[in-house]
C-alpha atoms as a PDB file:
ATOM      1  CA  MET A   1    -132.243-152.313  87.939  1.00  0.00           C
ATOM      2  CA  GLU A   2    -131.642-150.812  91.239  1.00  0.00           C
ATOM      3  CA  THR A   3    -127.868-149.259  92.285  1.00  0.00           C
ATOM      4  CA  ARG A   4    -127.074-148.557  95.702  1.00  0.00           C
ATOM      5  CA  LYS A   5    -123.974-146.311  97.125  1.00  0.00           C
ATOM      6  CA  LEU A   6    -120.642-147.812  98.103  1.00  0.00           C
ATOM      7  CA  GLY A   7    -120.610-146.984 101.754  1.00  0.00           C
ATOM      8  CA  LYS A   8    -119.318-143.425 102.022  1.00  0.00           C
ATOM      9  CA  THR A   9    -117.910-143.441  98.703  1.00  0.00           C
ATOM     10  CA  ASP A  10    -119.592-141.959  95.378  1.00  0.00           C
ATOM     11  CA  ILE A  11    -119.636-145.233  93.771  1.00  0.00           C
ATOM     12  CA  TYR A  12    -122.415-146.680  93.033  1.00  0.00           C
ATOM     13  CA  VAL A  13    -123.311-150.243  92.303  1.00  0.00           C
ATOM     14  CA  SER A  14    -125.935-152.701  90.985  1.00  0.00           C
ATOM     15  CA  ILE A  15    -128.152-154.278  94.220  1.00  0.00           C
ATOM     16  CA  CYS A  16    -127.470-157.408  91.546  1.00  0.00           C
ATOM     17  CA  SER A  17    -123.610-158.536  90.837  1.00  0.00           C
ATOM     18  CA  ILE A  18    -121.868-161.007  89.466  1.00  0.00           C
ATOM     19  CA  GLY A  19    -119.357-163.383  90.910  1.00  0.00           C
ATOM     20  CA  THR A  20    -117.211-164.959  88.993  1.00  0.00           C
ATOM     21  CA  MET A  21    -115.473-167.773  91.553  1.00  0.00           C
ATOM     22  CA  ASN A  22    -116.482-170.324  88.859  1.00  0.00           C
ATOM     23  CA  PHE A  23    -115.171-168.838  85.990  1.00  0.00           C
ATOM     24  CA  GLY A  24    -112.085-171.473  84.405  1.00  0.00           C
ATOM     25  CA  MET A  25    -113.082-173.954  86.278  1.00  0.00           C
ATOM     26  CA  PRO A  26    -113.820-176.910  83.936  1.00  0.00           C
ATOM     27  CA  ASN A  27    -117.165-177.974  83.228  1.00  0.00           C
ATOM     28  CA  SER A  28    -118.562-174.832  85.346  1.00  0.00           C
ATOM     29  CA  CYS A  29    -119.982-172.109  82.629  1.00  0.00           C
ATOM     30  CA  GLN A  30    -121.598-173.733  79.481  1.00  0.00           C
ATOM     31  CA  GLY A  31    -121.145-171.193  76.860  1.00  0.00           C
ATOM     32  CA  ASN A  32    -119.018-167.740  76.197  1.00  0.00           C
ATOM     33  CA  LEU A  33    -118.219-166.459  79.081  1.00  0.00           C
ATOM     34  CA  GLU A  34    -117.558-162.935  77.648  1.00  0.00           C
ATOM     35  CA  THR A  35    -121.455-162.854  76.143  1.00  0.00           C
ATOM     36  CA  LEU A  36    -122.675-163.984  79.479  1.00  0.00           C
ATOM     37  CA  LEU A  37    -121.289-160.995  80.698  1.00  0.00           C
ATOM     38  CA  ASP A  38    -122.759-158.478  77.885  1.00  0.00           C
ATOM     39  CA  LEU A  39    -126.208-160.428  78.839  1.00  0.00           C
ATOM     40  CA  ALA A  40    -125.900-158.931  82.832  1.00  0.00           C
ATOM     41  CA  LEU A  41    -124.113-156.101  81.630  1.00  0.00           C
ATOM     42  CA  ASP A  42    -128.059-155.168  79.526  1.00  0.00           C
ATOM     43  CA  ALA A  43    -129.734-156.282  82.578  1.00  0.00           C
ATOM     44  CA  GLY A  44    -128.246-152.844  84.071  1.00  0.00           C
ATOM     45  CA  ILE A  45    -125.370-155.164  86.481  1.00  0.00           C
ATOM     46  CA  ASN A  46    -123.054-152.738  86.676  1.00  0.00           C
ATOM     47  CA  PHE A  47    -121.181-154.856  89.538  1.00  0.00           C
ATOM     48  CA  ILE A  48    -118.891-157.881  88.992  1.00  0.00           C
ATOM     49  CA  ASP A  49    -116.714-159.010  91.859  1.00  0.00           C
ATOM     50  CA  THR A  50    -113.547-161.420  91.308  1.00  0.00           C
ATOM     51  CA  ALA A  51    -110.426-162.204  93.609  1.00  0.00           C
ATOM     52  CA  GLU A  52    -106.403-162.977  92.533  1.00  0.00           C
ATOM     53  CA  MET A  53    -107.410-166.751  94.235  1.00  0.00           C
ATOM     54  CA  TYR A  54    -110.486-167.717  92.122  1.00  0.00           C
ATOM     55  CA  PRO A  55    -111.427-169.845  90.667  1.00  0.00           C
ATOM     56  CA  SER A  56    -112.709-171.819  93.880  1.00  0.00           C
ATOM     57  CA  PRO A  57    -111.781-174.463  94.690  1.00  0.00           C
ATOM     58  CA  ALA A  58    -108.594-173.318  94.305  1.00  0.00           C
ATOM     59  CA  SER A  59    -105.590-174.334  92.973  1.00  0.00           C
ATOM     60  CA  SER A  60    -101.703-173.546  91.692  1.00  0.00           C
ATOM     61  CA  GLU A  61    -102.947-174.511  88.039  1.00  0.00           C
ATOM     62  CA  THR A  62    -106.008-172.222  87.996  1.00  0.00           C
ATOM     63  CA  TYR A  63    -104.796-169.540  90.023  1.00  0.00           C
ATOM     64  CA  GLY A  64    -105.628-166.330  88.439  1.00  0.00           C
ATOM     65  CA  ILE A  65    -107.475-167.311  85.498  1.00  0.00           C
ATOM     66  CA  SER A  66    -110.959-165.639  86.891  1.00  0.00           C
ATOM     67  CA  GLU A  67    -109.010-162.197  86.349  1.00  0.00           C
ATOM     68  CA  LYS A  68    -108.006-163.055  83.354  1.00  0.00           C
ATOM     69  CA  ILE A  69    -111.050-163.867  81.365  1.00  0.00           C
ATOM     70  CA  LEU A  70    -113.018-160.782  83.549  1.00  0.00           C
ATOM     71  CA  GLY A  71    -110.273-159.004  82.038  1.00  0.00           C
ATOM     72  CA  LYS A  72    -110.120-159.688  78.621  1.00  0.00           C
ATOM     73  CA  TRP A  73    -113.953-158.766  78.435  1.00  0.00           C
ATOM     74  CA  LEU A  74    -113.011-156.018  80.810  1.00  0.00           C
ATOM     75  CA  LYS A  75    -110.751-154.864  77.899  1.00  0.00           C
ATOM     76  CA  ARG A  76    -113.099-154.424  75.121  1.00  0.00           C
ATOM     77  CA  LYS A  77    -115.821-152.111  77.310  1.00  0.00           C
ATOM     78  CA  ASN A  78    -116.649-148.589  78.793  1.00  0.00           C
ATOM     79  CA  ARG A  79    -114.081-149.332  81.629  1.00  0.00           C
ATOM     80  CA  SER A  80    -115.996-145.718  83.644  1.00  0.00           C
ATOM     81  CA  ASN A  81    -118.905-147.676  83.414  1.00  0.00           C
ATOM     82  CA  LEU A  82    -118.529-150.664  85.475  1.00  0.00           C
ATOM     83  CA  VAL A  83    -117.373-151.336  89.452  1.00  0.00           C
ATOM     84  CA  ILE A  84    -114.841-153.664  89.812  1.00  0.00           C
ATOM     85  CA  ALA A  85    -114.291-155.499  92.985  1.00  0.00           C
ATOM     86  CA  SER A  86    -111.494-157.647  94.035  1.00  0.00           C
ATOM     87  CA  LYS A  87    -109.264-159.624  96.085  1.00  0.00           C
ATOM     88  CA  ALA A  88    -106.239-160.182  98.092  1.00  0.00           C
ATOM     89  CA  SER A  89    -105.903-163.198  99.787  1.00  0.00           C
ATOM     90  CA  GLY A  90    -104.428-163.563 103.121  1.00  0.00           C
ATOM     91  CA  PRO A  91    -102.277-166.501 104.894  1.00  0.00           C
ATOM     92  CA  GLY A  92    -103.537-170.326 104.583  1.00  0.00           C
ATOM     93  CA  GLU A  93    -101.737-173.391 104.226  1.00  0.00           C
ATOM     94  CA  PHE A  94    -105.105-174.120 101.400  1.00  0.00           C
ATOM     95  CA  VAL A  95    -102.558-171.418  98.990  1.00  0.00           C
ATOM     96  CA  PRO A  96     -99.612-172.112  99.303  1.00  0.00           C
ATOM     97  CA  TRP A  97     -98.711-170.169  95.652  1.00  0.00           C
ATOM     98  CA  ILE A  98    -100.105-167.822  97.022  1.00  0.00           C
ATOM     99  CA  ARG A  99     -96.720-165.440  97.982  1.00  0.00           C
ATOM    100  CA  GLY A 100     -95.586-168.609 100.124  1.00  0.00           C
ATOM    101  CA  GLY A 101     -99.062-169.559 101.738  1.00  0.00           C
ATOM    102  CA  LYS A 102     -98.118-166.380 104.469  1.00  0.00           C
ATOM    103  CA  SER A 103     -99.437-163.243 102.689  1.00  0.00           C
ATOM    104  CA  LYS A 104     -99.795-160.548 105.213  1.00  0.00           C
ATOM    105  CA  HIS A 105    -101.780-157.280 104.786  1.00  0.00           C
ATOM    106  CA  ASP A 106     -98.595-155.588 104.747  1.00  0.00           C
ATOM    107  CA  LEU A 107     -97.565-153.030 102.230  1.00  0.00           C
ATOM    108  CA  LYS A 108     -95.397-155.302 100.277  1.00  0.00           C
ATOM    109  CA  ASN A 109     -97.722-158.389  99.964  1.00  0.00           C
ATOM    110  CA  LEU A 110    -100.245-156.008  99.531  1.00  0.00           C
ATOM    111  CA  THR A 111     -99.315-153.761  96.711  1.00  0.00           C
ATOM    112  CA  ASP A 112     -98.031-157.774  94.988  1.00  0.00           C
ATOM    113  CA  ALA A 113    -101.660-158.654  94.860  1.00  0.00           C
ATOM    114  CA  VAL A 114    -102.974-155.390  93.760  1.00  0.00           C
ATOM    115  CA  ASP A 115    -100.042-155.078  90.757  1.00  0.00           C
ATOM    116  CA  GLY A 116    -100.586-159.262  89.712  1.00  0.00           C
ATOM    117  CA  SER A 117    -104.434-158.490  89.501  1.00  0.00           C
ATOM    118  CA  LEU A 118    -103.815-154.817  87.705  1.00  0.00           C
ATOM    119  CA  LYS A 119    -102.061-157.024  84.819  1.00  0.00           C
ATOM    120  CA  ARG A 120    -104.418-159.941  84.244  1.00  0.00           C
ATOM    121  CA  LEU A 121    -107.491-157.336  84.731  1.00  0.00           C
ATOM    122  CA  GLN A 122    -105.854-155.243  82.445  1.00  0.00           C
ATOM    123  CA  THR A 123    -107.253-151.948  84.193  1.00  0.00           C
ATOM    124  CA  ASP A 124    -105.264-149.085  85.469  1.00  0.00           C
ATOM    125  CA  TYR A 125    -107.482-149.508  88.823  1.00  0.00           C
ATOM    126  CA  ILE A 126    -109.392-151.439  90.757  1.00  0.00           C
ATOM    127  CA  ASP A 127    -112.756-149.913  92.397  1.00  0.00           C
ATOM    128  CA  LEU A 128    -113.023-151.645  95.379  1.00  0.00           C
ATOM    129  CA  TYR A 129    -110.084-153.870  96.870  1.00  0.00           C
ATOM    130  CA  GLN A 130    -111.043-156.407  99.584  1.00  0.00           C
ATOM    131  CA  LEU A 131    -109.052-158.273 101.929  1.00  0.00           C
ATOM    132  CA  HIS A 132    -110.402-162.013 101.268  1.00  0.00           C
ATOM    133  CA  TRP A 133    -110.599-163.103 104.832  1.00  0.00           C
ATOM    134  CA  PRO A 134    -108.477-162.045 108.318  1.00  0.00           C
ATOM    135  CA  ASP A 135    -105.047-162.275 108.899  1.00  0.00           C
ATOM    136  CA  ARG A 136    -105.439-162.931 112.363  1.00  0.00           C
ATOM    137  CA  ALA A 137    -106.732-166.021 113.474  1.00  0.00           C
ATOM    138  CA  THR A 138    -110.528-165.754 113.529  1.00  0.00           C
ATOM    139  CA  ASN A 139    -113.746-167.485 112.721  1.00  0.00           C
ATOM    140  CA  PHE A 140    -114.632-167.192 109.028  1.00  0.00           C
ATOM    141  CA  PHE A 141    -115.039-170.114 106.242  1.00  0.00           C
ATOM    142  CA  GLY A 142    -117.824-171.433 108.542  1.00  0.00           C
ATOM    143  CA  GLN A 143    -116.417-171.865 111.792  1.00  0.00           C
ATOM    144  CA  LEU A 144    -119.234-170.394 114.056  1.00  0.00           C
ATOM    145  CA  GLY A 145    -118.250-168.625 117.849  1.00  0.00           C
ATOM    146  CA  TYR A 146    -114.526-167.435 118.330  1.00  0.00           C
ATOM    147  CA  LYS A 147    -112.506-170.241 120.293  1.00  0.00           C
ATOM    148  CA  LYS A 148    -109.309-168.135 122.006  1.00  0.00           C
ATOM    149  CA  PRO A 149    -106.385-169.516 119.501  1.00  0.00           C
ATOM    150  CA  LYS A 150    -103.632-171.688 120.731  1.00  0.00           C
ATOM    151  CA  THR A 151    -101.408-169.840 118.807  1.00  0.00           C
ATOM    152  CA  GLU A 152    -102.202-166.324 117.262  1.00  0.00           C
ATOM    153  CA  LEU A 153    -101.456-165.120 114.278  1.00  0.00           C
ATOM    154  CA  HIS A 154     -99.606-161.873 113.600  1.00  0.00           C
ATOM    155  CA  PHE A 155    -101.853-158.897 112.545  1.00  0.00           C
ATOM    156  CA  ASP A 156    -101.362-154.970 112.764  1.00  0.00           C
ATOM    157  CA  ILE A 157    -104.496-153.149 111.289  1.00  0.00           C
ATOM    158  CA  GLU A 158    -103.356-150.129 111.959  1.00  0.00           C
ATOM    159  CA  LYS A 159    -100.205-151.296 109.181  1.00  0.00           C
ATOM    160  CA  THR A 160    -103.159-152.348 106.934  1.00  0.00           C
ATOM    161  CA  LEU A 161    -104.763-149.287 106.789  1.00  0.00           C
ATOM    162  CA  GLU A 162    -101.928-147.071 105.422  1.00  0.00           C
ATOM    163  CA  ALA A 163    -100.908-150.106 103.262  1.00  0.00           C
ATOM    164  CA  LEU A 164    -104.223-149.548 101.308  1.00  0.00           C
ATOM    165  CA  SER A 165    -104.039-145.917 102.030  1.00  0.00           C
ATOM    166  CA  GLU A 166    -100.898-145.875  99.846  1.00  0.00           C
ATOM    167  CA  LEU A 167    -102.510-147.800  97.331  1.00  0.00           C
ATOM    168  CA  VAL A 168    -105.871-145.501  97.317  1.00  0.00           C
ATOM    169  CA  LYS A 169    -102.888-142.593  96.795  1.00  0.00           C
ATOM    170  CA  SER A 170    -101.537-143.964  94.204  1.00  0.00           C
ATOM    171  CA  GLY A 171    -104.245-144.720  92.329  1.00  0.00           C
ATOM    172  CA  LYS A 172    -104.126-147.989  91.756  1.00  0.00           C
ATOM    173  CA  ILE A 173    -107.145-148.852  94.007  1.00  0.00           C
ATOM    174  CA  ARG A 174    -110.360-146.417  94.672  1.00  0.00           C
ATOM    175  CA  ALA A 175    -112.366-148.117  97.779  1.00  0.00           C
ATOM    176  CA  VAL A 176    -111.579-150.746 100.139  1.00  0.00           C
ATOM    177  CA  GLY A 177    -113.429-153.444 102.274  1.00  0.00           C
ATOM    178  CA  LEU A 178    -113.560-156.865 104.272  1.00  0.00           C
ATOM    179  CA  CYS A 179    -114.783-160.202 103.190  1.00  0.00           C
ATOM    180  CA  ASN A 180    -115.626-162.765 105.637  1.00  0.00           C
ATOM    181  CA  GLU A 181    -114.886-160.340 108.385  1.00  0.00           C
ATOM    182  CA  THR A 182    -116.548-160.280 112.350  1.00  0.00           C
ATOM    183  CA  ALA A 183    -118.165-157.850 114.287  1.00  0.00           C
ATOM    184  CA  TRP A 184    -115.218-156.928 115.868  1.00  0.00           C
ATOM    185  CA  GLY A 185    -112.698-156.824 113.016  1.00  0.00           C
ATOM    186  CA  ALA A 186    -114.708-154.379 111.253  1.00  0.00           C
ATOM    187  CA  MET A 187    -115.488-151.633 114.114  1.00  0.00           C
ATOM    188  CA  GLN A 188    -111.380-152.017 114.783  1.00  0.00           C
ATOM    189  CA  PHE A 189    -111.260-151.205 111.000  1.00  0.00           C
ATOM    190  CA  ARG A 190    -113.131-148.702 110.642  1.00  0.00           C
ATOM    191  CA  LYS A 191    -112.617-147.029 114.531  1.00  0.00           C
ATOM    192  CA  ILE A 192    -108.942-147.147 113.833  1.00  0.00           C
ATOM    193  CA  GLY A 193    -109.608-145.937 109.722  1.00  0.00           C
ATOM    194  CA  GLU A 194    -111.486-143.109 111.741  1.00  0.00           C
ATOM    195  CA  MET A 195    -109.073-141.516 114.151  1.00  0.00           C
ATOM    196  CA  ARG A 196    -106.018-142.028 111.794  1.00  0.00           C
ATOM    197  CA  ASN A 197    -107.166-140.784 108.762  1.00  0.00           C
ATOM    198  CA  LEU A 198    -107.127-143.850 107.251  1.00  0.00           C
ATOM    199  CA  PRO A 199    -109.091-145.187 104.454  1.00  0.00           C
ATOM    200  CA  ILE A 200    -112.723-145.766 105.652  1.00  0.00           C
ATOM    201  CA  ILE A 201    -113.722-149.338 104.801  1.00  0.00           C
ATOM    202  CA  SER A 202    -116.458-148.760 102.398  1.00  0.00           C
ATOM    203  CA  SER A 203    -118.268-152.495 102.294  1.00  0.00           C
ATOM    204  CA  ILE A 204    -118.333-156.384 103.967  1.00  0.00           C
ATOM    205  CA  GLN A 205    -118.505-159.194 102.436  1.00  0.00           C
ATOM    206  CA  ASN A 206    -119.847-162.219 104.057  1.00  0.00           C
ATOM    207  CA  PRO A 207    -122.574-164.925 103.263  1.00  0.00           C
ATOM    208  CA  TYR A 208    -125.579-164.627 104.331  1.00  0.00           C
ATOM    209  CA  ASN A 209    -128.793-166.610 102.735  1.00  0.00           C
ATOM    210  CA  LEU A 210    -131.968-168.182 104.179  1.00  0.00           C
ATOM    211  CA  LEU A 211    -129.716-171.541 105.413  1.00  0.00           C
ATOM    212  CA  ASN A 212    -126.992-168.472 107.187  1.00  0.00           C
ATOM    213  CA  ARG A 213    -127.908-165.504 108.855  1.00  0.00           C
ATOM    214  CA  THR A 214    -125.662-165.368 111.283  1.00  0.00           C
ATOM    215  CA  PHE A 215    -124.760-161.976 110.231  1.00  0.00           C
ATOM    216  CA  GLU A 216    -127.794-160.254 111.541  1.00  0.00           C
ATOM    217  CA  ILE A 217    -126.659-161.321 114.822  1.00  0.00           C
ATOM    218  CA  ASN A 218    -124.476-158.132 115.486  1.00  0.00           C
ATOM    219  CA  LEU A 219    -122.746-157.350 112.415  1.00  0.00           C
ATOM    220  CA  ALA A 220    -125.881-155.899 110.695  1.00  0.00           C
ATOM    221  CA  GLU A 221    -125.675-153.193 112.935  1.00  0.00           C
ATOM    222  CA  PHE A 222    -122.619-152.545 112.187  1.00  0.00           C
ATOM    223  CA  SER A 223    -123.663-152.296 108.744  1.00  0.00           C
ATOM    224  CA  ILE A 224    -126.480-149.483 109.470  1.00  0.00           C
ATOM    225  CA  ARG A 225    -124.545-147.256 111.605  1.00  0.00           C
ATOM    226  CA  GLU A 226    -121.721-147.482 110.388  1.00  0.00           C
ATOM    227  CA  ASN A 227    -122.674-146.609 106.728  1.00  0.00           C
ATOM    228  CA  CYS A 228    -121.051-150.060 105.471  1.00  0.00           C
ATOM    229  CA  GLY A 229    -123.136-152.276 103.448  1.00  0.00           C
ATOM    230  CA  LEU A 230    -122.630-156.521 103.291  1.00  0.00           C
ATOM    231  CA  ILE A 231    -122.771-157.955  99.784  1.00  0.00           C
ATOM    232  CA  SER A 232    -124.193-161.015 100.087  1.00  0.00           C
ATOM    233  CA  TYR A 233    -122.499-163.877  98.452  1.00  0.00           C
ATOM    234  CA  SER A 234    -123.749-167.592  98.138  1.00  0.00           C
ATOM    235  CA  PRO A 235    -127.365-166.328  98.076  1.00  0.00           C
ATOM    236  CA  LEU A 236    -128.610-169.804  97.120  1.00  0.00           C
ATOM    237  CA  ALA A 237    -126.569-172.112  99.654  1.00  0.00           C
ATOM    238  CA  PHE A 238    -124.193-172.841  96.738  1.00  0.00           C
ATOM    239  CA  GLY A 239    -127.905-174.080  95.020  1.00  0.00           C
ATOM    240  CA  MET A 240    -129.720-175.986  97.652  1.00  0.00           C
ATOM    241  CA  LEU A 241    -132.465-173.386  97.950  1.00  0.00           C
ATOM    242  CA  THR A 242    -132.978-173.571  94.279  1.00  0.00           C
ATOM    243  CA  GLY A 243    -134.458-177.394  94.985  1.00  0.00           C
ATOM    244  CA  LYS A 244    -132.748-179.364  92.710  1.00  0.00           C
ATOM    245  CA  TYR A 245    -130.869-181.040  95.949  1.00  0.00           C
ATOM    246  CA  ILE A 246    -133.905-182.145  97.891  1.00  0.00           C
ATOM    247  CA  LYS A 247    -134.669-185.028  95.769  1.00  0.00           C
ATOM    248  CA  GLU A 248    -130.847-185.693  94.394  1.00  0.00           C
ATOM    249  CA  SER A 249    -132.789-184.102  90.784  1.00  0.00           C
ATOM    250  CA  ALA A 250    -129.545-182.009  90.705  1.00  0.00           C
ATOM    251  CA  PRO A 251    -126.708-183.483  87.921  1.00  0.00           C
ATOM    252  CA  PRO A 252    -123.374-185.174  88.986  1.00  0.00           C
ATOM    253  CA  LYS A 253    -121.653-182.128  87.817  1.00  0.00           C
ATOM    254  CA  ALA A 254    -123.688-179.667  90.042  1.00  0.00           C
ATOM    255  CA  ARG A 255    -121.490-178.020  92.730  1.00  0.00           C
ATOM    256  CA  LEU A 256    -122.032-179.674  96.025  1.00  0.00           C
ATOM    257  CA  ASN A 257    -122.114-182.889  94.102  1.00  0.00           C
ATOM    258  CA  ARG A 258    -118.540-182.273  92.608  1.00  0.00           C
ATOM    259  CA  TYR A 259    -116.951-181.243  95.642  1.00  0.00           C
ATOM    260  CA  SER A 260    -117.299-182.883  99.257  1.00  0.00           C
ATOM    261  CA  HIS A 261    -115.884-179.834 101.382  1.00  0.00           C
ATOM    262  CA  TYR A 262    -119.171-177.880 100.952  1.00  0.00           C
ATOM    263  CA  LYS A 263    -120.854-181.380 102.266  1.00  0.00           C
ATOM    264  CA  LYS A 264    -122.518-178.986 105.549  1.00  0.00           C
ATOM    265  CA  TYR A 265    -125.214-177.946 102.800  1.00  0.00           C
ATOM    266  CA  LYS A 266    -126.366-181.420 102.084  1.00  0.00           C
ATOM    267  CA  SER A 267    -127.108-182.178 105.633  1.00  0.00           C
ATOM    268  CA  ALA A 268    -129.947-183.452 107.305  1.00  0.00           C
ATOM    269  CA  ILE A 269    -130.726-179.875 108.874  1.00  0.00           C
ATOM    270  CA  ALA A 270    -130.067-178.214 105.916  1.00  0.00           C
ATOM    271  CA  LEU A 271    -132.105-180.425 104.117  1.00  0.00           C
ATOM    272  CA  ASN A 272    -135.353-180.412 105.990  1.00  0.00           C
ATOM    273  CA  ALA A 273    -134.716-176.385 106.227  1.00  0.00           C
ATOM    274  CA  THR A 274    -134.706-176.560 102.703  1.00  0.00           C
ATOM    275  CA  LYS A 275    -138.124-178.293 101.602  1.00  0.00           C
ATOM    276  CA  LYS A 276    -139.610-176.057 103.722  1.00  0.00           C
ATOM    277  CA  TYR A 277    -138.548-172.819 102.381  1.00  0.00           C
ATOM    278  CA  VAL A 278    -139.100-174.310  98.909  1.00  0.00           C
ATOM    279  CA  ALA A 279    -142.379-174.885  99.784  1.00  0.00           C
ATOM    280  CA  LEU A 280    -143.599-172.311 101.274  1.00  0.00           C
ATOM    281  CA  ALA A 281    -142.510-170.506  97.575  1.00  0.00           C
ATOM    282  CA  ARG A 282    -144.032-172.483  95.867  1.00  0.00           C
ATOM    283  CA  LYS A 283    -147.090-171.808  98.381  1.00  0.00           C
ATOM    284  CA  TRP A 284    -146.930-168.392  96.945  1.00  0.00           C
ATOM    285  CA  GLN A 285    -146.059-169.275  93.320  1.00  0.00           C
ATOM    286  CA  LEU A 286    -142.544-167.885  93.725  1.00  0.00           C
ATOM    287  CA  ASP A 287    -139.557-169.821  91.877  1.00  0.00           C
ATOM    288  CA  PRO A 288    -138.058-170.713  95.110  1.00  0.00           C
ATOM    289  CA  ALA A 289    -134.344-169.446  93.747  1.00  0.00           C
ATOM    290  CA  HIS A 290    -136.342-165.868  93.367  1.00  0.00           C
ATOM    291  CA  MET A 291    -137.421-165.833  96.621  1.00  0.00           C
ATOM    292  CA  ALA A 292    -134.424-166.518  98.283  1.00  0.00           C
ATOM    293  CA  ILE A 293    -132.228-163.691  96.345  1.00  0.00           C
ATOM    294  CA  SER A 294    -135.317-161.349  96.308  1.00  0.00           C
ATOM    295  CA  TRP A 295    -135.499-161.527 100.332  1.00  0.00           C
ATOM    296  CA  ILE A 296    -132.132-160.769 101.077  1.00  0.00           C
ATOM    297  CA  MET A 297    -132.454-157.491  98.771  1.00  0.00           C
ATOM    298  CA  SER A 298    -135.060-156.463 100.810  1.00  0.00           C
ATOM    299  CA  LYS A 299    -132.481-155.891 103.591  1.00  0.00           C
ATOM    300  CA  PRO A 300    -131.621-152.298 104.876  1.00  0.00           C
ATOM    301  CA  PHE A 301    -128.183-153.367 104.998  1.00  0.00           C
ATOM    302  CA  LEU A 302    -127.689-154.947 101.857  1.00  0.00           C
ATOM    303  CA  THR A 303    -125.232-152.842  99.163  1.00  0.00           C
ATOM    304  CA  SER A 304    -125.401-155.951  96.369  1.00  0.00           C
ATOM    305  CA  VAL A 305    -125.637-159.638  96.439  1.00  0.00           C
ATOM    306  CA  ILE A 306    -123.934-161.572  94.253  1.00  0.00           C
ATOM    307  CA  ILE A 307    -125.262-164.555  91.797  1.00  0.00           C
ATOM    308  CA  GLY A 308    -123.726-167.088  90.206  1.00  0.00           C
ATOM    309  CA  PHE A 309    -124.414-169.165  86.891  1.00  0.00           C
ATOM    310  CA  SER A 310    -123.448-171.938  85.172  1.00  0.00           C
ATOM    311  CA  ASN A 311    -125.256-171.115  81.720  1.00  0.00           C
ATOM    312  CA  GLU A 312    -126.862-168.540  79.794  1.00  0.00           C
ATOM    313  CA  GLN A 313    -130.555-169.918  81.548  1.00  0.00           C
ATOM    314  CA  GLN A 314    -129.048-169.538  85.109  1.00  0.00           C
ATOM    315  CA  LEU A 315    -127.998-166.612  84.586  1.00  0.00           C
ATOM    316  CA  ARG A 316    -131.349-164.948  82.483  1.00  0.00           C
ATOM    317  CA  HIS A 317    -132.909-167.578  85.528  1.00  0.00           C
ATOM    318  CA  ASN A 318    -131.915-165.613  88.155  1.00  0.00           C
ATOM    319  CA  LEU A 319    -131.634-161.993  86.849  1.00  0.00           C
ATOM    320  CA  LYS A 320    -135.641-162.176  87.782  1.00  0.00           C
ATOM    321  CA  SER A 321    -135.455-161.912  91.245  1.00  0.00           C
ATOM    322  CA  VAL A 322    -135.168-158.601  90.921  1.00  0.00           C
ATOM    323  CA  ASP A 323    -138.934-157.872  90.022  1.00  0.00           C
ATOM    324  CA  VAL A 324    -139.831-159.810  92.799  1.00  0.00           C
ATOM    325  CA  ASP A 325    -141.676-158.661  95.973  1.00  0.00           C
ATOM    326  CA  ILE A 326    -141.478-160.212  99.497  1.00  0.00           C
ATOM    327  CA  SER A 327    -144.709-159.127 101.259  1.00  0.00           C
ATOM    328  CA  ASN A 328    -144.883-158.563 104.396  1.00  0.00           C
ATOM    329  CA  GLU A 329    -147.086-162.019 104.772  1.00  0.00           C
ATOM    330  CA  LEU A 330    -144.150-163.775 103.240  1.00  0.00           C
ATOM    331  CA  HIS A 331    -141.583-162.034 105.714  1.00  0.00           C
ATOM    332  CA  LYS A 332    -143.695-163.246 108.862  1.00  0.00           C
ATOM    333  CA  SER A 333    -143.466-166.737 107.339  1.00  0.00           C
ATOM    334  CA  ILE A 334    -140.016-166.892 106.496  1.00  0.00           C
ATOM    335  CA  GLU A 335    -138.991-165.734 110.023  1.00  0.00           C
ATOM    336  CA  LYS A 336    -141.299-168.728 111.010  1.00  0.00           C
ATOM    337  CA  ILE A 337    -139.544-171.404 109.425  1.00  0.00           C
ATOM    338  CA  HIS A 338    -135.845-169.762 110.554  1.00  0.00           C
ATOM    339  CA  LEU A 339    -137.511-169.646 114.202  1.00  0.00           C
ATOM    340  CA  LYS A 340    -137.822-173.386 114.245  1.00  0.00           C
ATOM    341  CA  ILE A 341    -134.647-174.277 112.311  1.00  0.00           C
ATOM    342  CA  PRO A 342    -132.118-171.384 112.461  1.00  0.00           C
ATOM    343  CA  ASN A 343    -128.772-171.169 110.868  1.00  0.00           C
ATOM    344  CA  PRO A 344    -128.669-174.912 109.579  1.00  0.00           C
ATOM    345  CA  CYS A 345    -125.915-173.745 107.291  1.00  0.00           C
ATOM    346  CA  PRO A 346    -123.729-171.269 109.292  1.00  0.00           C
END
């Protein structure tokens, strides 16, 4: 499997990576997760992404379980062959059990977060440590467009980078990244890091798929010019781009049928766009999921695309995407759909 360099580090990650967001959720995975992780490893994947908050949707009862499951598996592997990424939660009333719901990206909170993740992961270091969402008031998690906040949250990017620098010096983390970030935020982190000789951001993990290409508007230029590649999550738009929801054929336990807060993916405009992408894939005799994932892999600003799975069949199926090529003609056809229905699920 192809590997790509993580920013300006000496770390190389597989172009396809494993996400653990559903590890530990009831009815989320059929089969032994450790066996499925072995399968991914055998396929050439060396990059696994997790977070202290996982599994998601988050709850106080399941907090940290995904890292614990991954840690149990990691304990019996050659750690030096793997690249493990985790994330520190930011402030949010929806996670009051994580440092009182008021966690900030400062030295105390980030140290507590890292130490907790290291213990659950049963490892001495985390290769890529990411800020799960900004600790300032801005647009993320589906909010399209910035609106001046009525109440600003206190944030200090320089202090955050100083804290991350201490964690790098301690050997607890190797590289740092951002998640659910804007172009302004990403550029501030990069500029301050360079000016103060503090950690340089190596990656940005944002949603990116055929139904949500907002990353291209300004972050794509940042990624390419600043050598800070995208780690793409939700490549199949929570399963929409497989086509299984078009005729309500997805089982009741499928993610979009279980969780109402993902309902934007099943809107009329999202269904209309999905139908067109699925029909296009079949016209080219491609599986819709393979086309959707391979299309992301073709982007010059991409470092790695995160795939999830609910069972062995799904994992094996998604892994086949690495063998699919998107021709120039197919790219043009995809663009035609996008121009008619741009970003129905930001």
